[in-house]
Amino acid sequence: MKIAIPVDDPNLETSVCQSFGRTPYFLIYDTETKERKFIDNSAAASQGGAGIKAAQSIVDNKSEVVLTPLCGENAAEVLNAAGIKIYKTRDASAMDNINAFIEGQLSLLEEIHPGFHGNGSK
């Protein structure tokens, strides 16, 4: 299973980024092979639609699960349409959140916030 996580830096011990659409990187982690790759989030600098573009890159990388602290409604719609489940992260490193997910300790993200519609702020 491939898991996608928005991260601040390209390493497993980095923090999970608070902004899904404007995260600098996504960690794509394969739970079966333990393979990991970090992809640049080209949507981070977008004037608008960052969440949608970021979500599409997750779909394109064939992830089945997203671990994130927050997700906007536009990104969530793209992920849901692709059958990708969204789980809420803990205040811990990316790897700690992966392990928590594998152990069944993370819950589905239920609070989806309205999109920011291009103002680029939190």
PDB file of N, CA and C in Angstrom:
ATOM      1  N   MET A   1       0.833  -1.175   0.000  1.00  0.00           N
ATOM      2  CA  MET A   1       0.000   0.000   0.000  1.00  0.00           C
ATOM      3  C   MET A   1       0.881   1.243   0.000  1.00  0.00           C
ATOM      4  N   LYS A   2       0.537   2.197  -0.846  1.00  0.00           N
ATOM      5  CA  LYS A   2       1.289   3.453  -0.891  1.00  0.00           C
ATOM      6  C   LYS A   2       0.590   4.514  -0.054  1.00  0.00           C
ATOM      7  N   ILE A   3       1.390   5.152   0.798  1.00  0.00           N
ATOM      8  CA  ILE A   3       0.915   6.209   1.685  1.00  0.00           C
ATOM      9  C   ILE A   3       1.576   7.516   1.257  1.00  0.00           C
ATOM     10  N   ALA A   4       0.811   8.599   1.217  1.00  0.00           N
ATOM     11  CA  ALA A   4       1.353   9.926   0.921  1.00  0.00           C
ATOM     12  C   ALA A   4       1.214  10.810   2.152  1.00  0.00           C
ATOM     13  N   ILE A   5       2.280  11.565   2.438  1.00  0.00           N
ATOM     14  CA  ILE A   5       2.280  12.462   3.596  1.00  0.00           C
ATOM     15  C   ILE A   5       2.921  13.794   3.198  1.00  0.00           C
ATOM     16  N   PRO A   6       2.262  14.915   3.498  1.00  0.00           N
ATOM     17  CA  PRO A   6       2.911  16.209   3.264  1.00  0.00           C
ATOM     18  C   PRO A   6       3.988  16.428   4.327  1.00  0.00           C
ATOM     19  N   VAL A   7       5.201  16.726   3.882  1.00  0.00           N
ATOM     20  CA  VAL A   7       6.309  16.886   4.830  1.00  0.00           C
ATOM     21  C   VAL A   7       7.078  18.178   4.570  1.00  0.00           C
ATOM     22  N   ASP A   8       7.732  18.661   5.639  1.00  0.00           N
ATOM     23  CA  ASP A   8       8.494  19.900   5.551  1.00  0.00           C
ATOM     24  C   ASP A   8       9.866  19.722   4.894  1.00  0.00           C
ATOM     25  N   ASP A   9      10.472  18.559   5.085  1.00  0.00           N
ATOM     26  CA  ASP A   9      11.809  18.277   4.559  1.00  0.00           C
ATOM     27  C   ASP A   9      11.842  16.867   3.985  1.00  0.00           C
ATOM     28  N   PRO A  10      12.769  16.597   3.059  1.00  0.00           N
ATOM     29  CA  PRO A  10      12.829  15.276   2.443  1.00  0.00           C
ATOM     30  C   PRO A  10      13.575  14.232   3.286  1.00  0.00           C
ATOM     31  N   ASN A  11      13.040  13.929   4.490  1.00  0.00           N
ATOM     32  CA  ASN A  11      13.581  12.841   5.305  1.00  0.00           C
ATOM     33  C   ASN A  11      12.476  12.281   6.192  1.00  0.00           C
ATOM     34  N   LEU A  12      12.672  11.058   6.670  1.00  0.00           N
ATOM     35  CA  LEU A  12      11.618  10.358   7.414  1.00  0.00           C
ATOM     36  C   LEU A  12      11.357  10.927   8.801  1.00  0.00           C
ATOM     37  N   GLU A  13      12.316  11.631   9.352  1.00  0.00           N
ATOM     38  CA  GLU A  13      12.152  12.171  10.706  1.00  0.00           C
ATOM     39  C   GLU A  13      11.619  13.598  10.719  1.00  0.00           C
ATOM     40  N   THR A  14      11.314  14.134   9.550  1.00  0.00           N
ATOM     41  CA  THR A  14      10.781  15.484   9.463  1.00  0.00           C
ATOM     42  C   THR A  14       9.366  15.556  10.022  1.00  0.00           C
ATOM     43  N   SER A  15       8.929  16.763  10.265  1.00  0.00           N
ATOM     44  CA  SER A  15       7.555  17.002  10.711  1.00  0.00           C
ATOM     45  C   SER A  15       6.592  16.834   9.547  1.00  0.00           C
ATOM     46  N   VAL A  16       5.366  16.485   9.888  1.00  0.00           N
ATOM     47  CA  VAL A  16       4.295  16.480   8.899  1.00  0.00           C
ATOM     48  C   VAL A  16       3.901  17.940   8.698  1.00  0.00           C
ATOM     49  N   CYS A  17       3.815  18.368   7.446  1.00  0.00           N
ATOM     50  CA  CYS A  17       3.478  19.756   7.141  1.00  0.00           C
ATOM     51  C   CYS A  17       2.014  20.027   7.460  1.00  0.00           C
ATOM     52  N   GLN A  18       1.739  21.175   8.042  1.00  0.00           N
ATOM     53  CA  GLN A  18       0.375  21.566   8.409  1.00  0.00           C
ATOM     54  C   GLN A  18      -0.479  21.916   7.198  1.00  0.00           C
ATOM     55  N   SER A  19       0.142  22.273   6.084  1.00  0.00           N
ATOM     56  CA  SER A  19      -0.593  22.676   4.885  1.00  0.00           C
ATOM     57  C   SER A  19      -0.463  21.604   3.810  1.00  0.00           C
ATOM     58  N   PHE A  20      -1.553  20.927   3.511  1.00  0.00           N
ATOM     59  CA  PHE A  20      -1.526  19.875   2.493  1.00  0.00           C
ATOM     60  C   PHE A  20      -1.180  20.449   1.118  1.00  0.00           C
ATOM     61  N   GLY A  21      -1.924  21.439   0.682  1.00  0.00           N
ATOM     62  CA  GLY A  21      -1.749  21.975  -0.669  1.00  0.00           C
ATOM     63  C   GLY A  21      -0.455  22.720  -0.893  1.00  0.00           C
ATOM     64  N   ARG A  22       0.085  23.292   0.163  1.00  0.00           N
ATOM     65  CA  ARG A  22       1.297  24.107   0.015  1.00  0.00           C
ATOM     66  C   ARG A  22       2.529  23.486   0.691  1.00  0.00           C
ATOM     67  N   THR A  23       2.456  22.196   0.961  1.00  0.00           N
ATOM     68  CA  THR A  23       3.616  21.512   1.517  1.00  0.00           C
ATOM     69  C   THR A  23       4.778  21.547   0.520  1.00  0.00           C
ATOM     70  N   PRO A  24       6.003  21.654   0.993  1.00  0.00           N
ATOM     71  CA  PRO A  24       7.135  21.646   0.049  1.00  0.00           C
ATOM     72  C   PRO A  24       7.328  20.286  -0.640  1.00  0.00           C
ATOM     73  N   TYR A  25       7.055  19.200   0.098  1.00  0.00           N
ATOM     74  CA  TYR A  25       7.293  17.844  -0.420  1.00  0.00           C
ATOM     75  C   TYR A  25       6.168  16.907  -0.002  1.00  0.00           C
ATOM     76  N   PHE A  26       6.031  15.844  -0.761  1.00  0.00           N
ATOM     77  CA  PHE A  26       5.220  14.710  -0.340  1.00  0.00           C
ATOM     78  C   PHE A  26       6.141  13.501  -0.212  1.00  0.00           C
ATOM     79  N   LEU A  27       5.985  12.793   0.878  1.00  0.00           N
ATOM     80  CA  LEU A  27       6.652  11.509   1.049  1.00  0.00           C
ATOM     81  C   LEU A  27       5.679  10.451   0.540  1.00  0.00           C
ATOM     82  N   ILE A  28       6.135   9.618  -0.371  1.00  0.00           N
ATOM     83  CA  ILE A  28       5.354   8.473  -0.848  1.00  0.00           C
ATOM     84  C   ILE A  28       6.061   7.241  -0.279  1.00  0.00           C
ATOM     85  N   TYR A  29       5.355   6.516   0.579  1.00  0.00           N
ATOM     86  CA  TYR A  29       5.948   5.372   1.284  1.00  0.00           C
ATOM     87  C   TYR A  29       5.152   4.111   0.959  1.00  0.00           C
ATOM     88  N   ASP A  30       5.859   3.081   0.517  1.00  0.00           N
ATOM     89  CA  ASP A  30       5.230   1.806   0.187  1.00  0.00           C
ATOM     90  C   ASP A  30       5.378   0.871   1.385  1.00  0.00           C
ATOM     91  N   THR A  31       4.259   0.489   1.991  1.00  0.00           N
ATOM     92  CA  THR A  31       4.310  -0.328   3.212  1.00  0.00           C
ATOM     93  C   THR A  31       4.785  -1.751   2.937  1.00  0.00           C
ATOM     94  N   GLU A  32       4.662  -2.214   1.699  1.00  0.00           N
ATOM     95  CA  GLU A  32       5.081  -3.575   1.374  1.00  0.00           C
ATOM     96  C   GLU A  32       6.578  -3.667   1.102  1.00  0.00           C
ATOM     97  N   THR A  33       7.103  -2.740   0.308  1.00  0.00           N
ATOM     98  CA  THR A  33       8.521  -2.792  -0.066  1.00  0.00           C
ATOM     99  C   THR A  33       9.404  -1.921   0.825  1.00  0.00           C
ATOM    100  N   LYS A  34       8.781  -1.063   1.641  1.00  0.00           N
ATOM    101  CA  LYS A  34       9.477  -0.079   2.483  1.00  0.00           C
ATOM    102  C   LYS A  34      10.187   0.994   1.639  1.00  0.00           C
ATOM    103  N   GLU A  35       9.904   0.995   0.339  1.00  0.00           N
ATOM    104  CA  GLU A  35      10.490   1.994  -0.545  1.00  0.00           C
ATOM    105  C   GLU A  35       9.872   3.346  -0.237  1.00  0.00           C
ATOM    106  N   ARG A  36      10.682   4.381  -0.308  1.00  0.00           N
ATOM    107  CA  ARG A  36      10.190   5.734  -0.060  1.00  0.00           C
ATOM    108  C   ARG A  36      10.772   6.674  -1.096  1.00  0.00           C
ATOM    109  N   LYS A  37       9.974   7.649  -1.455  1.00  0.00           N
ATOM    110  CA  LYS A  37      10.467   8.701  -2.342  1.00  0.00           C
ATOM    111  C   LYS A  37       9.826  10.006  -1.929  1.00  0.00           C
ATOM    112  N   PHE A  38      10.546  11.061  -2.170  1.00  0.00           N
ATOM    113  CA  PHE A  38      10.067  12.398  -1.861  1.00  0.00           C
ATOM    114  C   PHE A  38       9.848  13.112  -3.191  1.00  0.00           C
ATOM    115  N   ILE A  39       8.667  13.676  -3.351  1.00  0.00           N
ATOM    116  CA  ILE A  39       8.387  14.420  -4.570  1.00  0.00           C
ATOM    117  C   ILE A  39       8.167  15.882  -4.225  1.00  0.00           C
ATOM    118  N   ASP A  40       8.681  16.746  -5.083  1.00  0.00           N
ATOM    119  CA  ASP A  40       8.448  18.180  -4.912  1.00  0.00           C
ATOM    120  C   ASP A  40       6.985  18.464  -5.190  1.00  0.00           C
ATOM    121  N   ASN A  41       6.399  19.326  -4.384  1.00  0.00           N
ATOM    122  CA  ASN A  41       5.017  19.724  -4.601  1.00  0.00           C
ATOM    123  C   ASN A  41       5.017  20.957  -5.494  1.00  0.00           C
ATOM    124  N   SER A  42       4.813  20.741  -6.774  1.00  0.00           N
ATOM    125  CA  SER A  42       4.824  21.857  -7.720  1.00  0.00           C
ATOM    126  C   SER A  42       3.644  22.805  -7.491  1.00  0.00           C
ATOM    127  N   ALA A  43       2.634  22.362  -6.762  1.00  0.00           N
ATOM    128  CA  ALA A  43       1.463  23.199  -6.488  1.00  0.00           C
ATOM    129  C   ALA A  43       1.722  24.238  -5.398  1.00  0.00           C
ATOM    130  N   ALA A  44       2.804  24.077  -4.645  1.00  0.00           N
ATOM    131  CA  ALA A  44       3.064  24.942  -3.491  1.00  0.00           C
ATOM    132  C   ALA A  44       3.097  26.428  -3.849  1.00  0.00           C
ATOM    133  N   ALA A  45       3.585  26.751  -5.025  1.00  0.00           N
ATOM    134  CA  ALA A  45       3.719  28.153  -5.424  1.00  0.00           C
ATOM    135  C   ALA A  45       2.540  28.643  -6.260  1.00  0.00           C
ATOM    136  N   SER A  46       1.521  27.843  -6.425  1.00  0.00           N
ATOM    137  CA  SER A  46       0.366  28.217  -7.253  1.00  0.00           C
ATOM    138  C   SER A  46      -0.382  29.399  -6.658  1.00  0.00           C
ATOM    139  N   GLN A  47      -0.908  30.242  -7.527  1.00  0.00           N
ATOM    140  CA  GLN A  47      -1.726  31.362  -7.074  1.00  0.00           C
ATOM    141  C   GLN A  47      -3.012  30.856  -6.432  1.00  0.00           C
ATOM    142  N   GLY A  48      -3.590  29.840  -7.015  1.00  0.00           N
ATOM    143  CA  GLY A  48      -4.819  29.255  -6.503  1.00  0.00           C
ATOM    144  C   GLY A  48      -4.899  27.801  -6.920  1.00  0.00           C
ATOM    145  N   GLY A  49      -5.770  27.068  -6.290  1.00  0.00           N
ATOM    146  CA  GLY A  49      -5.956  25.669  -6.647  1.00  0.00           C
ATOM    147  C   GLY A  49      -4.851  24.747  -6.191  1.00  0.00           C
ATOM    148  N   ALA A  50      -4.073  25.184  -5.205  1.00  0.00           N
ATOM    149  CA  ALA A  50      -2.940  24.368  -4.748  1.00  0.00           C
ATOM    150  C   ALA A  50      -3.392  23.014  -4.216  1.00  0.00           C
ATOM    151  N   GLY A  51      -4.483  22.991  -3.471  1.00  0.00           N
ATOM    152  CA  GLY A  51      -4.967  21.734  -2.904  1.00  0.00           C
ATOM    153  C   GLY A  51      -5.367  20.739  -3.981  1.00  0.00           C
ATOM    154  N   ILE A  52      -6.058  21.235  -5.006  1.00  0.00           N
ATOM    155  CA  ILE A  52      -6.491  20.374  -6.101  1.00  0.00           C
ATOM    156  C   ILE A  52      -5.283  19.819  -6.838  1.00  0.00           C
ATOM    157  N   LYS A  53      -4.313  20.680  -7.149  1.00  0.00           N
ATOM    158  CA  LYS A  53      -3.108  20.236  -7.873  1.00  0.00           C
ATOM    159  C   LYS A  53      -2.298  19.257  -7.029  1.00  0.00           C
ATOM    160  N   ALA A  54      -2.176  19.539  -5.739  1.00  0.00           N
ATOM    161  CA  ALA A  54      -1.429  18.649  -4.849  1.00  0.00           C
ATOM    162  C   ALA A  54      -2.127  17.288  -4.769  1.00  0.00           C
ATOM    163  N   ALA A  55      -3.447  17.310  -4.642  1.00  0.00           N
ATOM    164  CA  ALA A  55      -4.206  16.055  -4.569  1.00  0.00           C
ATOM    165  C   ALA A  55      -4.044  15.255  -5.855  1.00  0.00           C
ATOM    166  N   GLN A  56      -4.025  15.935  -6.990  1.00  0.00           N
ATOM    167  CA  GLN A  56      -3.861  15.226  -8.262  1.00  0.00           C
ATOM    168  C   GLN A  56      -2.496  14.553  -8.340  1.00  0.00           C
ATOM    169  N   SER A  57      -1.457  15.193  -7.772  1.00  0.00           N
ATOM    170  CA  SER A  57      -0.135  14.549  -7.786  1.00  0.00           C
ATOM    171  C   SER A  57      -0.132  13.290  -6.918  1.00  0.00           C
ATOM    172  N   ILE A  58      -0.930  13.288  -5.857  1.00  0.00           N
ATOM    173  CA  ILE A  58      -1.067  12.089  -5.009  1.00  0.00           C
ATOM    174  C   ILE A  58      -1.751  10.979  -5.813  1.00  0.00           C
ATOM    175  N   VAL A  59      -2.798  11.347  -6.540  1.00  0.00           N
ATOM    176  CA  VAL A  59      -3.498  10.377  -7.393  1.00  0.00           C
ATOM    177  C   VAL A  59      -2.540   9.828  -8.446  1.00  0.00           C
ATOM    178  N   ASP A  60      -1.774  10.728  -9.085  1.00  0.00           N
ATOM    179  CA  ASP A  60      -0.843  10.319 -10.137  1.00  0.00           C
ATOM    180  C   ASP A  60       0.242   9.373  -9.618  1.00  0.00           C
ATOM    181  N   ASN A  61       0.589   9.497  -8.336  1.00  0.00           N
ATOM    182  CA  ASN A  61       1.611   8.624  -7.732  1.00  0.00           C
ATOM    183  C   ASN A  61       1.002   7.337  -7.173  1.00  0.00           C
ATOM    184  N   LYS A  62      -0.279   7.133  -7.445  1.00  0.00           N
ATOM    185  CA  LYS A  62      -0.987   5.897  -7.095  1.00  0.00           C
ATOM    186  C   LYS A  62      -1.000   5.573  -5.599  1.00  0.00           C
ATOM    187  N   SER A  63      -1.065   6.630  -4.794  1.00  0.00           N
ATOM    188  CA  SER A  63      -1.193   6.434  -3.350  1.00  0.00           C
ATOM    189  C   SER A  63      -2.614   5.994  -3.035  1.00  0.00           C
ATOM    190  N   GLU A  64      -2.750   5.195  -1.989  1.00  0.00           N
ATOM    191  CA  GLU A  64      -4.067   4.704  -1.585  1.00  0.00           C
ATOM    192  C   GLU A  64      -4.555   5.376  -0.307  1.00  0.00           C
ATOM    193  N   VAL A  65      -3.619   6.016   0.410  1.00  0.00           N
ATOM    194  CA  VAL A  65      -3.916   6.639   1.691  1.00  0.00           C
ATOM    195  C   VAL A  65      -3.130   7.938   1.788  1.00  0.00           C
ATOM    196  N   VAL A  66      -3.733   8.958   2.402  1.00  0.00           N
ATOM    197  CA  VAL A  66      -3.037  10.199   2.738  1.00  0.00           C
ATOM    198  C   VAL A  66      -3.084  10.360   4.245  1.00  0.00           C
ATOM    199  N   LEU A  67      -1.941  10.700   4.832  1.00  0.00           N
ATOM    200  CA  LEU A  67      -1.864  11.032   6.252  1.00  0.00           C
ATOM    201  C   LEU A  67      -1.569  12.519   6.325  1.00  0.00           C
ATOM    202  N   THR A  68      -2.469  13.291   6.940  1.00  0.00           N
ATOM    203  CA  THR A  68      -2.307  14.748   6.990  1.00  0.00           C
ATOM    204  C   THR A  68      -3.072  15.317   8.183  1.00  0.00           C
ATOM    205  N   PRO A  69      -2.597  16.436   8.748  1.00  0.00           N
ATOM    206  CA  PRO A  69      -3.333  17.028   9.865  1.00  0.00           C
ATOM    207  C   PRO A  69      -4.562  17.803   9.407  1.00  0.00           C
ATOM    208  N   LEU A  70      -4.518  18.365   8.200  1.00  0.00           N
ATOM    209  CA  LEU A  70      -5.593  19.195   7.664  1.00  0.00           C
ATOM    210  C   LEU A  70      -5.758  18.924   6.178  1.00  0.00           C
ATOM    211  N   CYS A  71      -6.974  19.126   5.700  1.00  0.00           N
ATOM    212  CA  CYS A  71      -7.211  18.981   4.263  1.00  0.00           C
ATOM    213  C   CYS A  71      -8.392  19.861   3.891  1.00  0.00           C
ATOM    214  N   GLY A  72      -8.240  20.611   2.817  1.00  0.00           N
ATOM    215  CA  GLY A  72      -9.317  21.463   2.335  1.00  0.00           C
ATOM    216  C   GLY A  72     -10.329  20.672   1.522  1.00  0.00           C
ATOM    217  N   GLU A  73     -11.514  21.254   1.380  1.00  0.00           N
ATOM    218  CA  GLU A  73     -12.602  20.535   0.718  1.00  0.00           C
ATOM    219  C   GLU A  73     -12.310  20.234  -0.745  1.00  0.00           C
ATOM    220  N   ASN A  74     -11.621  21.120  -1.445  1.00  0.00           N
ATOM    221  CA  ASN A  74     -11.325  20.876  -2.859  1.00  0.00           C
ATOM    222  C   ASN A  74     -10.365  19.702  -3.024  1.00  0.00           C
ATOM    223  N   ALA A  75      -9.323  19.671  -2.212  1.00  0.00           N
ATOM    224  CA  ALA A  75      -8.378  18.553  -2.257  1.00  0.00           C
ATOM    225  C   ALA A  75      -9.064  17.260  -1.841  1.00  0.00           C
ATOM    226  N   ALA A  76      -9.892  17.333  -0.805  1.00  0.00           N
ATOM    227  CA  ALA A  76     -10.594  16.143  -0.319  1.00  0.00           C
ATOM    228  C   ALA A  76     -11.509  15.564  -1.397  1.00  0.00           C
ATOM    229  N   GLU A  77     -12.153  16.432  -2.179  1.00  0.00           N
ATOM    230  CA  GLU A  77     -13.019  15.950  -3.250  1.00  0.00           C
ATOM    231  C   GLU A  77     -12.228  15.156  -4.284  1.00  0.00           C
ATOM    232  N   VAL A  78     -11.050  15.648  -4.653  1.00  0.00           N
ATOM    233  CA  VAL A  78     -10.199  14.950  -5.621  1.00  0.00           C
ATOM    234  C   VAL A  78      -9.758  13.601  -5.057  1.00  0.00           C
ATOM    235  N   LEU A  79      -9.308  13.611  -3.806  1.00  0.00           N
ATOM    236  CA  LEU A  79      -8.845  12.366  -3.172  1.00  0.00           C
ATOM    237  C   LEU A  79      -9.987  11.362  -3.023  1.00  0.00           C
ATOM    238  N   ASN A  80     -11.140  11.830  -2.558  1.00  0.00           N
ATOM    239  CA  ASN A  80     -12.296  10.942  -2.387  1.00  0.00           C
ATOM    240  C   ASN A  80     -12.744  10.346  -3.716  1.00  0.00           C
ATOM    241  N   ALA A  81     -12.739  11.156  -4.769  1.00  0.00           N
ATOM    242  CA  ALA A  81     -13.150  10.672  -6.088  1.00  0.00           C
ATOM    243  C   ALA A  81     -12.230   9.555  -6.582  1.00  0.00           C
ATOM    244  N   ALA A  82     -10.974   9.595  -6.154  1.00  0.00           N
ATOM    245  CA  ALA A  82     -10.002   8.573  -6.548  1.00  0.00           C
ATOM    246  C   ALA A  82      -9.996   7.384  -5.579  1.00  0.00           C
ATOM    247  N   GLY A  83     -10.856   7.437  -4.555  1.00  0.00           N
ATOM    248  CA  GLY A  83     -10.917   6.333  -3.591  1.00  0.00           C
ATOM    249  C   GLY A  83      -9.784   6.338  -2.582  1.00  0.00           C
ATOM    250  N   ILE A  84      -9.139   7.491  -2.408  1.00  0.00           N
ATOM    251  CA  ILE A  84      -8.020   7.612  -1.467  1.00  0.00           C
ATOM    252  C   ILE A  84      -8.565   8.020  -0.101  1.00  0.00           C
ATOM    253  N   LYS A  85      -8.226   7.262   0.913  1.00  0.00           N
ATOM    254  CA  LYS A  85      -8.667   7.537   2.283  1.00  0.00           C
ATOM    255  C   LYS A  85      -7.729   8.572   2.914  1.00  0.00           C
ATOM    256  N   ILE A  86      -8.304   9.450   3.736  1.00  0.00           N
ATOM    257  CA  ILE A  86      -7.538  10.515   4.395  1.00  0.00           C
ATOM    258  C   ILE A  86      -7.577  10.265   5.902  1.00  0.00           C
ATOM    259  N   TYR A  87      -6.392  10.131   6.502  1.00  0.00           N
ATOM    260  CA  TYR A  87      -6.274   9.896   7.943  1.00  0.00           C
ATOM    261  C   TYR A  87      -5.608  11.089   8.605  1.00  0.00           C
ATOM    262  N   LYS A  88      -6.014  11.366   9.831  1.00  0.00           N
ATOM    263  CA  LYS A  88      -5.475  12.483  10.608  1.00  0.00           C
ATOM    264  C   LYS A  88      -4.177  12.083  11.285  1.00  0.00           C
ATOM    265  N   THR A  89      -3.151  12.905  11.088  1.00  0.00           N
ATOM    266  CA  THR A  89      -1.849  12.631  11.699  1.00  0.00           C
ATOM    267  C   THR A  89      -1.805  13.104  13.146  1.00  0.00           C
ATOM    268  N   ARG A  90      -0.802  12.608  13.835  1.00  0.00           N
ATOM    269  CA  ARG A  90      -0.477  13.054  15.195  1.00  0.00           C
ATOM    270  C   ARG A  90       0.657  14.060  15.098  1.00  0.00           C
ATOM    271  N   ASP A  91       0.934  14.718  16.207  1.00  0.00           N
ATOM    272  CA  ASP A  91       2.061  15.644  16.270  1.00  0.00           C
ATOM    273  C   ASP A  91       3.326  14.812  16.484  1.00  0.00           C
ATOM    274  N   ALA A  92       3.842  14.257  15.394  1.00  0.00           N
ATOM    275  CA  ALA A  92       5.005  13.371  15.444  1.00  0.00           C
ATOM    276  C   ALA A  92       5.661  13.389  14.064  1.00  0.00           C
ATOM    277  N   SER A  93       6.776  12.680  13.936  1.00  0.00           N
ATOM    278  CA  SER A  93       7.479  12.647  12.658  1.00  0.00           C
ATOM    279  C   SER A  93       6.681  11.879  11.606  1.00  0.00           C
ATOM    280  N   ALA A  94       7.093  12.020  10.370  1.00  0.00           N
ATOM    281  CA  ALA A  94       6.438  11.300   9.278  1.00  0.00           C
ATOM    282  C   ALA A  94       6.503   9.793   9.526  1.00  0.00           C
ATOM    283  N   MET A  95       7.667   9.279   9.907  1.00  0.00           N
ATOM    284  CA  MET A  95       7.819   7.842  10.132  1.00  0.00           C
ATOM    285  C   MET A  95       6.977   7.373  11.316  1.00  0.00           C
ATOM    286  N   ASP A  96       6.906   8.163  12.374  1.00  0.00           N
ATOM    287  CA  ASP A  96       6.058   7.796  13.522  1.00  0.00           C
ATOM    288  C   ASP A  96       4.593   7.708  13.098  1.00  0.00           C
ATOM    289  N   ASN A  97       4.163   8.596  12.212  1.00  0.00           N
ATOM    290  CA  ASN A  97       2.789   8.559  11.728  1.00  0.00           C
ATOM    291  C   ASN A  97       2.550   7.359  10.815  1.00  0.00           C
ATOM    292  N   ILE A  98       3.529   7.005  10.014  1.00  0.00           N
ATOM    293  CA  ILE A  98       3.409   5.798   9.183  1.00  0.00           C
ATOM    294  C   ILE A  98       3.240   4.580  10.077  1.00  0.00           C
ATOM    295  N   ASN A  99       4.072   4.475  11.093  1.00  0.00           N
ATOM    296  CA  ASN A  99       3.979   3.336  12.011  1.00  0.00           C
ATOM    297  C   ASN A  99       2.640   3.313  12.746  1.00  0.00           C
ATOM    298  N   ALA A 100       2.157   4.475  13.159  1.00  0.00           N
ATOM    299  CA  ALA A 100       0.865   4.557  13.845  1.00  0.00           C
ATOM    300  C   ALA A 100      -0.258   4.110  12.902  1.00  0.00           C
ATOM    301  N   PHE A 101      -0.162   4.498  11.628  1.00  0.00           N
ATOM    302  CA  PHE A 101      -1.169   4.072  10.656  1.00  0.00           C
ATOM    303  C   PHE A 101      -1.144   2.556  10.482  1.00  0.00           C
ATOM    304  N   ILE A 102       0.041   2.002  10.296  1.00  0.00           N
ATOM    305  CA  ILE A 102       0.186   0.552  10.100  1.00  0.00           C
ATOM    306  C   ILE A 102      -0.385  -0.208  11.295  1.00  0.00           C
ATOM    307  N   GLU A 103      -0.210   0.344  12.491  1.00  0.00           N
ATOM    308  CA  GLU A 103      -0.709  -0.300  13.713  1.00  0.00           C
ATOM    309  C   GLU A 103      -2.186   0.004  13.983  1.00  0.00           C
ATOM    310  N   GLY A 104      -2.844   0.721  13.070  1.00  0.00           N
ATOM    311  CA  GLY A 104      -4.265   1.010  13.210  1.00  0.00           C
ATOM    312  C   GLY A 104      -4.594   2.052  14.257  1.00  0.00           C
ATOM    313  N   GLN A 105      -3.647   2.957  14.531  1.00  0.00           N
ATOM    314  CA  GLN A 105      -3.832   3.936  15.595  1.00  0.00           C
ATOM    315  C   GLN A 105      -4.277   5.315  15.105  1.00  0.00           C
ATOM    316  N   LEU A 106      -4.389   5.510  13.806  1.00  0.00           N
ATOM    317  CA  LEU A 106      -4.854   6.802  13.282  1.00  0.00           C
ATOM    318  C   LEU A 106      -6.307   6.674  12.850  1.00  0.00           C
ATOM    319  N   SER A 107      -7.058   7.760  13.026  1.00  0.00           N
ATOM    320  CA  SER A 107      -8.466   7.746  12.624  1.00  0.00           C
ATOM    321  C   SER A 107      -8.645   8.544  11.334  1.00  0.00           C
ATOM    322  N   LEU A 108      -9.742   8.288  10.660  1.00  0.00           N
ATOM    323  CA  LEU A 108     -10.047   9.038   9.447  1.00  0.00           C
ATOM    324  C   LEU A 108     -10.183  10.521   9.778  1.00  0.00           C
ATOM    325  N   LEU A 109      -9.714  11.368   8.884  1.00  0.00           N
ATOM    326  CA  LEU A 109      -9.841  12.818   9.051  1.00  0.00           C
ATOM    327  C   LEU A 109     -11.285  13.182   8.742  1.00  0.00           C
ATOM    328  N   GLU A 110     -11.975  13.697   9.728  1.00  0.00           N
ATOM    329  CA  GLU A 110     -13.394  14.014   9.550  1.00  0.00           C
ATOM    330  C   GLU A 110     -13.644  15.498   9.358  1.00  0.00           C
ATOM    331  N   GLU A 111     -12.749  16.342   9.842  1.00  0.00           N
ATOM    332  CA  GLU A 111     -12.938  17.789   9.722  1.00  0.00           C
ATOM    333  C   GLU A 111     -12.224  18.304   8.478  1.00  0.00           C
ATOM    334  N   ILE A 112     -12.987  18.491   7.419  1.00  0.00           N
ATOM    335  CA  ILE A 112     -12.451  19.031   6.173  1.00  0.00           C
ATOM    336  C   ILE A 112     -12.808  20.516   6.155  1.00  0.00           C
ATOM    337  N   HIS A 113     -11.781  21.366   5.984  1.00  0.00           N
ATOM    338  CA  HIS A 113     -12.055  22.810   6.034  1.00  0.00           C
ATOM    339  C   HIS A 113     -12.357  23.367   4.648  1.00  0.00           C
ATOM    340  N   PRO A 114     -13.069  24.494   4.596  1.00  0.00           N
ATOM    341  CA  PRO A 114     -13.331  25.133   3.301  1.00  0.00           C
ATOM    342  C   PRO A 114     -12.016  25.517   2.635  1.00  0.00           C
ATOM    343  N   GLY A 115     -12.003  25.526   1.324  1.00  0.00           N
ATOM    344  CA  GLY A 115     -10.795  25.928   0.601  1.00  0.00           C
ATOM    345  C   GLY A 115     -10.493  27.401   0.837  1.00  0.00           C
ATOM    346  N   PHE A 116      -9.240  27.773   0.607  1.00  0.00           N
ATOM    347  CA  PHE A 116      -8.837  29.170   0.812  1.00  0.00           C
ATOM    348  C   PHE A 116      -9.023  30.002  -0.458  1.00  0.00           C
ATOM    349  N   HIS A 117      -9.312  29.340  -1.550  1.00  0.00           N
ATOM    350  CA  HIS A 117      -9.643  30.003  -2.811  1.00  0.00           C
ATOM    351  C   HIS A 117      -8.649  31.059  -3.248  1.00  0.00           C
ATOM    352  N   GLY A 118      -7.376  30.668  -3.234  1.00  0.00           N
ATOM    353  CA  GLY A 118      -6.353  31.479  -3.874  1.00  0.00           C
ATOM    354  C   GLY A 118      -5.756  32.594  -3.068  1.00  0.00           C
ATOM    355  N   ASN A 119      -6.118  32.739  -1.794  1.00  0.00           N
ATOM    356  CA  ASN A 119      -5.508  33.860  -1.070  1.00  0.00           C
ATOM    357  C   ASN A 119      -4.157  33.491  -0.492  1.00  0.00           C
ATOM    358  N   GLY A 120      -3.787  32.218  -0.540  1.00  0.00           N
ATOM    359  CA  GLY A 120      -2.445  31.792  -0.161  1.00  0.00           C
ATOM    360  C   GLY A 120      -2.126  31.893   1.307  1.00  0.00           C
ATOM    361  N   SER A 121      -3.088  32.148   2.153  1.00  0.00           N
ATOM    362  CA  SER A 121      -2.813  32.247   3.593  1.00  0.00           C
ATOM    363  C   SER A 121      -3.488  31.121   4.336  1.00  0.00           C
ATOM    364  N   LYS A 122      -3.097  30.957   5.597  1.00  0.00           N
ATOM    365  CA  LYS A 122      -3.703  29.924   6.421  1.00  0.00           C
ATOM    366  C   LYS A 122      -4.830  30.489   7.246  1.00  0.00           C
TER     367      LYS A 122
END
